[in-house]
Amino acid sequence: MIDAAKRASAKSIVAVIPYFGWARQDRKDKPRVSIGAKLVADLLSVAGIDRLITMDLHADQIQGFFDVPVDHLYASGVFLPYIESLQLEDLVIATPDVGGSKRASTYSKYLGVPLVLCNKTRLKANEVATMQIIGDVKNKNVILIDDMVDTAGTITKAADIMKEAGAISVRAIASHCVMSGPASERVQNSGLEEMVFTDSIPYANRCSKVKQLTIADMFAETIRRVMNNESISSQYII
């Protein structure tokens, strides 16, 4: 589509990709593997895009892989009002792994509540061996923050451990609903009250605990501003 538009003399081409699915391949974590995020960024640039609009990349530095402007939106624009609407007392924000501490920290600062971390070790990809809680969750309402949920092993293990540690309730919020393999069953059978995503990826509602919030208005307004050469700074809540 990009190439066809380019060959048809399009004045500009803006790629709108809410979920940049190659974002986890952002570095060489072992020998003889590709950096998929960089490869796809190069392919899009060579194909002819002039700008990219996306949301909650796995790592912010992926923006540097592109040779064109990147408008990196944040799902906090829809998640923060939702969290506030819950009116939870004794609220703490948590992250299921240390790597997501920066993201979770921005939520805790905005809401003015404590931050709790989980430190995990993996046996292999998508399989968590051990996990420890850093912080106090006893008699607290916990909201776990993540950028995506794939097989749901980490997020459900974190929820179960926090319930065992005395949490009143545990909810999870993640931008992208990958939910592959056993994810739906794991979420359904876990200690989570609910699992909230955006609709950046369609979900067939196979799990009653899963809820999706729309990002349509946020993207529509961003596209309108880009097309009219207006500032999009107010679109960035976090």
Foldseek 3Di string as FASTA:
>chain_A
DLLVCVVVVPPAAEAEQAPPPLLVLCDPPDPPDDSRLLVVLVVVVVSGHQEYEYELRQDPCSCVSHPHYYHYFYPCVVVVVVVVVVVFPQEEEEELDPSCQVVSVVSCVVVVHHYKYKHWDAPDPPHTDDIDIRDAQAQHEYEYEEAEAACCNSVLVVQQVSVVRHHPAYAYEHAYYNHDDNNQVSVQPGRHQAYEYAVSDDDPPPHVRYYYHYCVVLVVVVVVCVVVVHDPVVSHPD
